[in-house]
């Protein structure tokens, strides 16, 4: 994919995070049920963690509340801003 196409997609994602309520964004999952099950099933203990494509930071907040040291990364500056606001 050409850089212009990538930048256009980033702009679209950024606009979604800037203009839409979080509860209306289809991929914004407030309760990370699968992550919770996987953590318990595999007995994952707190450690350094990276949340790639963190969006509004729901998974990062969940993990941080359980003692994980989480770094959030997303292509959307607005998503990162909203994640910081939530934390």
Foldseek 3Di string as FASTA:
>chain_A
DDPVVVVVVLVVLQVCLVPDDLVPPVVNDQDPPVVVVVCVVVVPAAEEEEDEQCQQPNVVVVNVVRPHNYDYDHSHPSSVVNNVVVD
